Amino acid sequence: MKFLLTSGGITNQTIAKALEELLAKPKAESVVAFIPTAANVEEGDKNWLITDLYNVNKLGYKYVDIVDISAVSEDIWKRRLENADVLFFGGGNTFHLMYWLQRSGLANVLPDLLKTRIYAGISAGSMVTGNSISLSQSEKLYYEDLGKYTNETGLGFVEFSFRPHLNSPHFPNVNTTVLQQHAKELLGPIYALDDQMALKIIDGKIEAIGEGEYLVFNIN
């Protein structure tokens, strides 16, 4: 499996090049499916989502489809994801995204889709790939069918926890001191990345790429 896990999306040329290198064919012939579902419950200014989409769209791929897995039935989203080369999961509320990955059935389908496609993530879209999403600062939401969604289990594609927005002024609690405390409480490795960094992963081999800073905890 191939992954590009970002904190802030395609924020520089190094990250953009890494995504292109993961492709099995020229990017001008490749389709990106952008899944914005995590953003649906976030209130207020969506400039960050517009920027994320713009940064993907300007890269020169054949086209960018937008596929909201909470808005359409499985036969619709599955066909469109099968037509894509990159499945790009946007940021927002991590728990809301995990809820819809489970409810829609995409969590069950993803392992097969990712045999021949790239998983790319931004913030929440990156966090859900790990075994746990307990580092998320997202609000835990209520749903009519199950009550409050408090499940902190991720998709389990990678053997570490991902924490985006390191040292961001918008996330004052994502810093070295706070993360060191989390590392004492959380089993397993933690990768914390600022918005100029990403993790490029091919068949479990992890490479930190970008033009910023990152921290790693609980790795001997």
C-alpha atoms as a PDB file:
ATOM      1  CA  MET A   1       0.000   0.000   0.000  1.00  0.00           C
ATOM      2  CA  LYS A   2       1.042   3.580  -0.699  1.00  0.00           C
ATOM      3  CA  PHE A   3       0.250   6.547   1.545  1.00  0.00           C
ATOM      4  CA  LEU A   4       0.947  10.255   1.621  1.00  0.00           C
ATOM      5  CA  LEU A   5      -0.071  11.529   5.043  1.00  0.00           C
ATOM      6  CA  THR A   6       0.071  15.304   5.333  1.00  0.00           C
ATOM      7  CA  SER A   7      -0.656  17.779   8.068  1.00  0.00           C
ATOM      8  CA  GLY A   8      -1.736  20.721   5.928  1.00  0.00           C
ATOM      9  CA  GLY A   9      -2.166  19.209   2.475  1.00  0.00           C
ATOM     10  CA  ILE A  10      -0.071  19.996  -0.595  1.00  0.00           C
ATOM     11  CA  THR A  11       1.650  23.007   0.933  1.00  0.00           C
ATOM     12  CA  ASN A  12       4.948  22.905  -0.976  1.00  0.00           C
ATOM     13  CA  GLN A  13       6.620  21.440  -4.055  1.00  0.00           C
ATOM     14  CA  THR A  14       8.387  18.681  -2.109  1.00  0.00           C
ATOM     15  CA  ILE A  15       5.061  17.211  -0.982  1.00  0.00           C
ATOM     16  CA  ALA A  16       3.559  17.673  -4.454  1.00  0.00           C
ATOM     17  CA  LYS A  17       6.501  15.802  -6.009  1.00  0.00           C
ATOM     18  CA  ALA A  18       6.174  12.970  -3.484  1.00  0.00           C
ATOM     19  CA  LEU A  19       2.560  12.399  -4.484  1.00  0.00           C
ATOM     20  CA  GLU A  20       3.506  12.338  -8.159  1.00  0.00           C
ATOM     21  CA  GLU A  21       6.276   9.815  -7.453  1.00  0.00           C
ATOM     22  CA  LEU A  22       3.773   7.438  -5.858  1.00  0.00           C
ATOM     23  CA  LEU A  23       1.721   7.255  -9.049  1.00  0.00           C
ATOM     24  CA  ALA A  24       2.079   4.380 -11.474  1.00  0.00           C
ATOM     25  CA  LYS A  25       1.366   6.624 -14.480  1.00  0.00           C
ATOM     26  CA  PRO A  26       1.730  10.302 -15.474  1.00  0.00           C
ATOM     27  CA  LYS A  27      -0.251  12.697 -13.321  1.00  0.00           C
ATOM     28  CA  ALA A  28      -1.909  14.212 -16.411  1.00  0.00           C
ATOM     29  CA  GLU A  29      -3.575  10.818 -16.881  1.00  0.00           C
ATOM     30  CA  SER A  30      -4.430  10.351 -13.195  1.00  0.00           C
ATOM     31  CA  VAL A  31      -7.691  11.109 -11.373  1.00  0.00           C
ATOM     32  CA  VAL A  32      -7.939  12.374  -7.797  1.00  0.00           C
ATOM     33  CA  ALA A  33     -11.058  11.684  -5.716  1.00  0.00           C
ATOM     34  CA  PHE A  34     -11.269  14.195  -2.874  1.00  0.00           C
ATOM     35  CA  ILE A  35     -13.366  13.075   0.109  1.00  0.00           C
ATOM     36  CA  PRO A  36     -14.425  16.198   2.103  1.00  0.00           C
ATOM     37  CA  THR A  37     -16.656  14.374   4.607  1.00  0.00           C
ATOM     38  CA  ALA A  38     -14.627  15.302   7.714  1.00  0.00           C
ATOM     39  CA  ALA A  39     -15.339  18.987   7.078  1.00  0.00           C
ATOM     40  CA  ASN A  40     -19.130  18.662   7.049  1.00  0.00           C
ATOM     41  CA  VAL A  41     -19.609  19.323  10.774  1.00  0.00           C
ATOM     42  CA  GLU A  42     -17.044  22.111  11.103  1.00  0.00           C
ATOM     43  CA  GLU A  43     -18.684  25.513  11.550  1.00  0.00           C
ATOM     44  CA  GLY A  44     -17.518  28.901  10.353  1.00  0.00           C
ATOM     45  CA  ASP A  45     -15.077  29.970   7.658  1.00  0.00           C
ATOM     46  CA  LYS A  46     -14.159  27.174   5.252  1.00  0.00           C
ATOM     47  CA  ASN A  47     -11.244  29.012   3.650  1.00  0.00           C
ATOM     48  CA  TRP A  48      -8.934  26.206   4.770  1.00  0.00           C
ATOM     49  CA  LEU A  49     -10.999  23.623   2.866  1.00  0.00           C
ATOM     50  CA  ILE A  50     -11.094  25.824  -0.234  1.00  0.00           C
ATOM     51  CA  THR A  51      -7.307  26.199   0.005  1.00  0.00           C
ATOM     52  CA  ASP A  52      -6.811  22.434   0.387  1.00  0.00           C
ATOM     53  CA  LEU A  53      -8.924  21.755  -2.706  1.00  0.00           C
ATOM     54  CA  TYR A  54      -7.189  24.505  -4.690  1.00  0.00           C
ATOM     55  CA  ASN A  55      -3.743  23.138  -3.800  1.00  0.00           C
ATOM     56  CA  VAL A  56      -4.747  19.709  -5.090  1.00  0.00           C
ATOM     57  CA  ASN A  57      -6.520  21.022  -8.179  1.00  0.00           C
ATOM     58  CA  LYS A  58      -3.599  23.164  -9.370  1.00  0.00           C
ATOM     59  CA  LEU A  59      -1.197  20.198  -9.530  1.00  0.00           C
ATOM     60  CA  GLY A  60      -2.191  19.247 -13.064  1.00  0.00           C
ATOM     61  CA  TYR A  61      -3.984  15.952 -12.613  1.00  0.00           C
ATOM     62  CA  LYS A  62      -6.500  14.824 -15.235  1.00  0.00           C
ATOM     63  CA  TYR A  63      -9.307  16.014 -12.974  1.00  0.00           C
ATOM     64  CA  VAL A  64     -10.394  16.176  -9.337  1.00  0.00           C
ATOM     65  CA  ASP A  65     -13.694  14.556  -8.370  1.00  0.00           C
ATOM     66  CA  ILE A  66     -15.359  15.434  -5.035  1.00  0.00           C
ATOM     67  CA  VAL A  67     -16.948  12.402  -3.366  1.00  0.00           C
ATOM     68  CA  ASP A  68     -18.774  12.904  -0.072  1.00  0.00           C
ATOM     69  CA  ILE A  69     -19.333   9.423   1.348  1.00  0.00           C
ATOM     70  CA  SER A  70     -22.027  10.736   3.716  1.00  0.00           C
ATOM     71  CA  ALA A  71     -24.100  12.229   0.888  1.00  0.00           C
ATOM     72  CA  VAL A  72     -24.397   9.424  -1.665  1.00  0.00           C
ATOM     73  CA  SER A  73     -25.065   5.686  -1.637  1.00  0.00           C
ATOM     74  CA  GLU A  74     -22.348   3.036  -1.785  1.00  0.00           C
ATOM     75  CA  ASP A  75     -22.982   2.193  -5.439  1.00  0.00           C
ATOM     76  CA  ILE A  76     -22.273   5.834  -6.339  1.00  0.00           C
ATOM     77  CA  TRP A  77     -19.191   6.527  -4.178  1.00  0.00           C
ATOM     78  CA  LYS A  78     -17.675   3.111  -4.863  1.00  0.00           C
ATOM     79  CA  ARG A  79     -17.848   3.552  -8.642  1.00  0.00           C
ATOM     80  CA  ARG A  80     -16.257   6.974  -8.451  1.00  0.00           C
ATOM     81  CA  LEU A  81     -13.495   5.892  -6.077  1.00  0.00           C
ATOM     82  CA  GLU A  82     -12.743   2.919  -8.319  1.00  0.00           C
ATOM     83  CA  ASN A  83     -12.273   5.393 -11.172  1.00  0.00           C
ATOM     84  CA  ALA A  84      -9.634   7.333  -9.212  1.00  0.00           C
ATOM     85  CA  ASP A  85      -5.897   6.845  -8.823  1.00  0.00           C
ATOM     86  CA  VAL A  86      -5.582   8.899  -5.631  1.00  0.00           C
ATOM     87  CA  LEU A  87      -8.086   8.820  -2.766  1.00  0.00           C
ATOM     88  CA  PHE A  88      -7.563  12.138  -0.976  1.00  0.00           C
ATOM     89  CA  PHE A  89      -9.217  12.405   2.445  1.00  0.00           C
ATOM     90  CA  GLY A  90      -9.588  15.993   3.616  1.00  0.00           C
ATOM     91  CA  GLY A  91      -9.413  17.473   7.095  1.00  0.00           C
ATOM     92  CA  GLY A  92     -12.042  18.378   9.659  1.00  0.00           C
ATOM     93  CA  ASN A  93     -13.550  16.364  12.482  1.00  0.00           C
ATOM     94  CA  THR A  94     -11.663  13.083  12.914  1.00  0.00           C
ATOM     95  CA  PHE A  95     -14.495  11.303  14.748  1.00  0.00           C
ATOM     96  CA  HIS A  96     -17.055  12.342  12.141  1.00  0.00           C
ATOM     97  CA  LEU A  97     -14.834  10.967   9.377  1.00  0.00           C
ATOM     98  CA  MET A  98     -14.314   7.653  11.198  1.00  0.00           C
ATOM     99  CA  TYR A  99     -18.051   7.375  11.845  1.00  0.00           C
ATOM    100  CA  TRP A 100     -18.824   7.749   8.138  1.00  0.00           C
ATOM    101  CA  LEU A 101     -16.005   5.479   7.053  1.00  0.00           C
ATOM    102  CA  GLN A 102     -17.682   2.794   9.152  1.00  0.00           C
ATOM    103  CA  ARG A 103     -21.331   3.646   8.435  1.00  0.00           C
ATOM    104  CA  SER A 104     -20.873   3.997   4.678  1.00  0.00           C
ATOM    105  CA  GLY A 105     -18.974   0.722   4.417  1.00  0.00           C
ATOM    106  CA  LEU A 106     -15.887   2.366   2.926  1.00  0.00           C
ATOM    107  CA  ALA A 107     -13.705   1.135   5.797  1.00  0.00           C
ATOM    108  CA  ASN A 108     -14.398  -2.440   4.624  1.00  0.00           C
ATOM    109  CA  VAL A 109     -13.750  -1.649   0.968  1.00  0.00           C
ATOM    110  CA  LEU A 110     -10.602   0.458   1.375  1.00  0.00           C
ATOM    111  CA  PRO A 111      -8.087  -2.412   1.747  1.00  0.00           C
ATOM    112  CA  ASP A 112      -9.006  -3.708  -1.715  1.00  0.00           C
ATOM    113  CA  LEU A 113      -9.115  -0.223  -3.257  1.00  0.00           C
ATOM    114  CA  LEU A 114      -5.661   0.570  -1.889  1.00  0.00           C
ATOM    115  CA  LYS A 115      -4.068  -2.403  -3.593  1.00  0.00           C
ATOM    116  CA  THR A 116      -3.939  -0.285  -6.753  1.00  0.00           C
ATOM    117  CA  ARG A 117      -4.547   3.269  -5.482  1.00  0.00           C
ATOM    118  CA  ILE A 118      -2.822   5.842  -3.308  1.00  0.00           C
ATOM    119  CA  TYR A 119      -4.250   6.982   0.002  1.00  0.00           C
ATOM    120  CA  ALA A 120      -3.546  10.670   0.662  1.00  0.00           C
ATOM    121  CA  GLY A 121      -4.695  12.500   3.768  1.00  0.00           C
ATOM    122  CA  ILE A 122      -4.888  15.964   5.250  1.00  0.00           C
ATOM    123  CA  SER A 123      -5.057  16.347   9.053  1.00  0.00           C
ATOM    124  CA  ALA A 124      -8.084  14.223  10.091  1.00  0.00           C
ATOM    125  CA  GLY A 125      -7.749  12.312   6.833  1.00  0.00           C
ATOM    126  CA  SER A 126      -4.238  11.317   7.906  1.00  0.00           C
ATOM    127  CA  MET A 127      -5.084  10.651  11.556  1.00  0.00           C
ATOM    128  CA  VAL A 128      -7.672   7.955  10.786  1.00  0.00           C
ATOM    129  CA  THR A 129      -5.064   5.695   9.147  1.00  0.00           C
ATOM    130  CA  GLY A 130      -3.534   4.698  12.490  1.00  0.00           C
ATOM    131  CA  ASN A 131      -4.690   2.213  15.112  1.00  0.00           C
ATOM    132  CA  SER A 132      -5.897   5.032  17.355  1.00  0.00           C
ATOM    133  CA  ILE A 133      -7.333   8.526  16.865  1.00  0.00           C
ATOM    134  CA  SER A 134      -7.041   9.398  20.565  1.00  0.00           C
ATOM    135  CA  LEU A 135      -4.711  12.323  19.803  1.00  0.00           C
ATOM    136  CA  SER A 136      -7.473  14.095  17.921  1.00  0.00           C
ATOM    137  CA  GLN A 137      -8.758  17.333  19.415  1.00  0.00           C
ATOM    138  CA  SER A 138     -12.004  17.048  17.445  1.00  0.00           C
ATOM    139  CA  GLU A 139     -15.343  17.177  19.220  1.00  0.00           C
ATOM    140  CA  LYS A 140     -16.952  13.798  19.826  1.00  0.00           C
ATOM    141  CA  LEU A 141     -20.371  14.021  18.217  1.00  0.00           C
ATOM    142  CA  TYR A 142     -23.833  12.572  18.822  1.00  0.00           C
ATOM    143  CA  TYR A 143     -25.580  10.431  16.200  1.00  0.00           C
ATOM    144  CA  GLU A 144     -29.167   9.213  16.262  1.00  0.00           C
ATOM    145  CA  ASP A 145     -28.256   5.608  15.542  1.00  0.00           C
ATOM    146  CA  LEU A 146     -25.610   5.151  18.240  1.00  0.00           C
ATOM    147  CA  GLY A 147     -25.548   8.120  20.595  1.00  0.00           C
ATOM    148  CA  LYS A 148     -22.230   9.823  21.229  1.00  0.00           C
ATOM    149  CA  TYR A 149     -19.417   8.574  18.996  1.00  0.00           C
ATOM    150  CA  THR A 150     -16.484   8.017  21.345  1.00  0.00           C
ATOM    151  CA  ASN A 151     -14.724   5.166  19.554  1.00  0.00           C
ATOM    152  CA  GLU A 152     -11.032   6.054  19.269  1.00  0.00           C
ATOM    153  CA  THR A 153     -10.125   3.147  16.985  1.00  0.00           C
ATOM    154  CA  GLY A 154      -8.661   4.071  13.599  1.00  0.00           C
ATOM    155  CA  LEU A 155      -8.376   2.138  10.358  1.00  0.00           C
ATOM    156  CA  GLY A 156      -5.152   0.408  11.412  1.00  0.00           C
ATOM    157  CA  PHE A 157      -3.329   0.830   8.110  1.00  0.00           C
ATOM    158  CA  VAL A 158      -0.205   2.184   9.830  1.00  0.00           C
ATOM    159  CA  GLU A 159       1.393   1.206  13.141  1.00  0.00           C
ATOM    160  CA  PHE A 160       1.621   4.688  14.643  1.00  0.00           C
ATOM    161  CA  SER A 161      -0.497   7.656  15.669  1.00  0.00           C
ATOM    162  CA  PHE A 162      -0.419  10.747  13.458  1.00  0.00           C
ATOM    163  CA  ARG A 163      -0.688  14.232  15.002  1.00  0.00           C
ATOM    164  CA  PRO A 164      -0.941  17.132  12.533  1.00  0.00           C
ATOM    165  CA  HIS A 165      -0.414  20.890  12.968  1.00  0.00           C
ATOM    166  CA  LEU A 166       2.705  20.765  15.125  1.00  0.00           C
ATOM    167  CA  ASN A 167       3.468  24.238  16.556  1.00  0.00           C
ATOM    168  CA  SER A 168       0.566  25.790  14.651  1.00  0.00           C
ATOM    169  CA  PRO A 169      -0.843  29.013  16.182  1.00  0.00           C
ATOM    170  CA  HIS A 170      -4.295  27.595  15.452  1.00  0.00           C
ATOM    171  CA  PHE A 171      -3.568  24.533  17.632  1.00  0.00           C
ATOM    172  CA  PRO A 172      -1.727  25.849  20.715  1.00  0.00           C
ATOM    173  CA  ASN A 173      -1.798  22.479  22.489  1.00  0.00           C
ATOM    174  CA  VAL A 174       0.091  20.709  19.724  1.00  0.00           C
ATOM    175  CA  ASN A 175       3.627  21.322  20.916  1.00  0.00           C
ATOM    176  CA  THR A 176       6.586  19.360  22.229  1.00  0.00           C
ATOM    177  CA  THR A 177       5.645  19.628  25.917  1.00  0.00           C
ATOM    178  CA  VAL A 178       2.064  18.424  25.468  1.00  0.00           C
ATOM    179  CA  LEU A 179       3.041  15.681  23.023  1.00  0.00           C
ATOM    180  CA  GLN A 180       5.698  14.357  25.397  1.00  0.00           C
ATOM    181  CA  GLN A 181       2.965  13.873  27.984  1.00  0.00           C
ATOM    182  CA  HIS A 182       0.719  12.107  25.464  1.00  0.00           C
ATOM    183  CA  ALA A 183       3.622   9.853  24.520  1.00  0.00           C
ATOM    184  CA  LYS A 184       3.848   8.634  28.128  1.00  0.00           C
ATOM    185  CA  GLU A 185       0.168   7.689  28.077  1.00  0.00           C
ATOM    186  CA  LEU A 186      -0.185   6.286  24.571  1.00  0.00           C
ATOM    187  CA  LEU A 187       1.271   2.963  23.506  1.00  0.00           C
ATOM    188  CA  GLY A 188       3.054   2.925  20.177  1.00  0.00           C
ATOM    189  CA  PRO A 189       4.927   5.474  18.072  1.00  0.00           C
ATOM    190  CA  ILE A 190       3.679   9.006  17.416  1.00  0.00           C
ATOM    191  CA  TYR A 191       4.569  11.152  14.409  1.00  0.00           C
ATOM    192  CA  ALA A 192       3.826  14.853  14.886  1.00  0.00           C
ATOM    193  CA  LEU A 193       4.182  17.005  11.763  1.00  0.00           C
ATOM    194  CA  ASP A 194       3.887  20.690  11.023  1.00  0.00           C
ATOM    195  CA  ASP A 195       1.918  21.918   8.023  1.00  0.00           C
ATOM    196  CA  GLN A 196       4.922  21.815   5.686  1.00  0.00           C
ATOM    197  CA  MET A 197       5.644  18.108   6.264  1.00  0.00           C
ATOM    198  CA  ALA A 198       4.242  14.742   5.185  1.00  0.00           C
ATOM    199  CA  LEU A 199       4.923  11.043   5.561  1.00  0.00           C
ATOM    200  CA  LYS A 200       5.486   9.064   2.375  1.00  0.00           C
ATOM    201  CA  ILE A 201       4.841   5.372   3.042  1.00  0.00           C
ATOM    202  CA  ILE A 202       5.351   2.474   0.658  1.00  0.00           C
ATOM    203  CA  ASP A 203       4.561  -1.020   1.958  1.00  0.00           C
ATOM    204  CA  GLY A 204       5.247   0.043   5.535  1.00  0.00           C
ATOM    205  CA  LYS A 205       8.493   1.928   4.851  1.00  0.00           C
ATOM    206  CA  ILE A 206       8.145   5.451   6.268  1.00  0.00           C
ATOM    207  CA  GLU A 207       9.901   8.521   4.896  1.00  0.00           C
ATOM    208  CA  ALA A 208       9.371  12.013   6.329  1.00  0.00           C
ATOM    209  CA  ILE A 209       9.402  14.547   3.503  1.00  0.00           C
ATOM    210  CA  GLY A 210       8.689  18.240   3.183  1.00  0.00           C
ATOM    211  CA  GLU A 211      10.101  21.625   4.074  1.00  0.00           C
ATOM    212  CA  GLY A 212       9.229  21.912   7.754  1.00  0.00           C
ATOM    213  CA  GLU A 213       9.659  20.115  11.072  1.00  0.00           C
ATOM    214  CA  TYR A 214       8.426  16.907  12.658  1.00  0.00           C
ATOM    215  CA  LEU A 215       8.836  14.983  15.905  1.00  0.00           C
ATOM    216  CA  VAL A 216       8.787  11.262  16.614  1.00  0.00           C
ATOM    217  CA  PHE A 217       7.959   9.701  19.993  1.00  0.00           C
ATOM    218  CA  ASN A 218       8.075   6.164  21.396  1.00  0.00           C
ATOM    219  CA  ILE A 219      10.496   4.787  18.825  1.00  0.00           C
ATOM    220  CA  ASN A 220      13.588   3.131  20.256  1.00  0.00           C
END
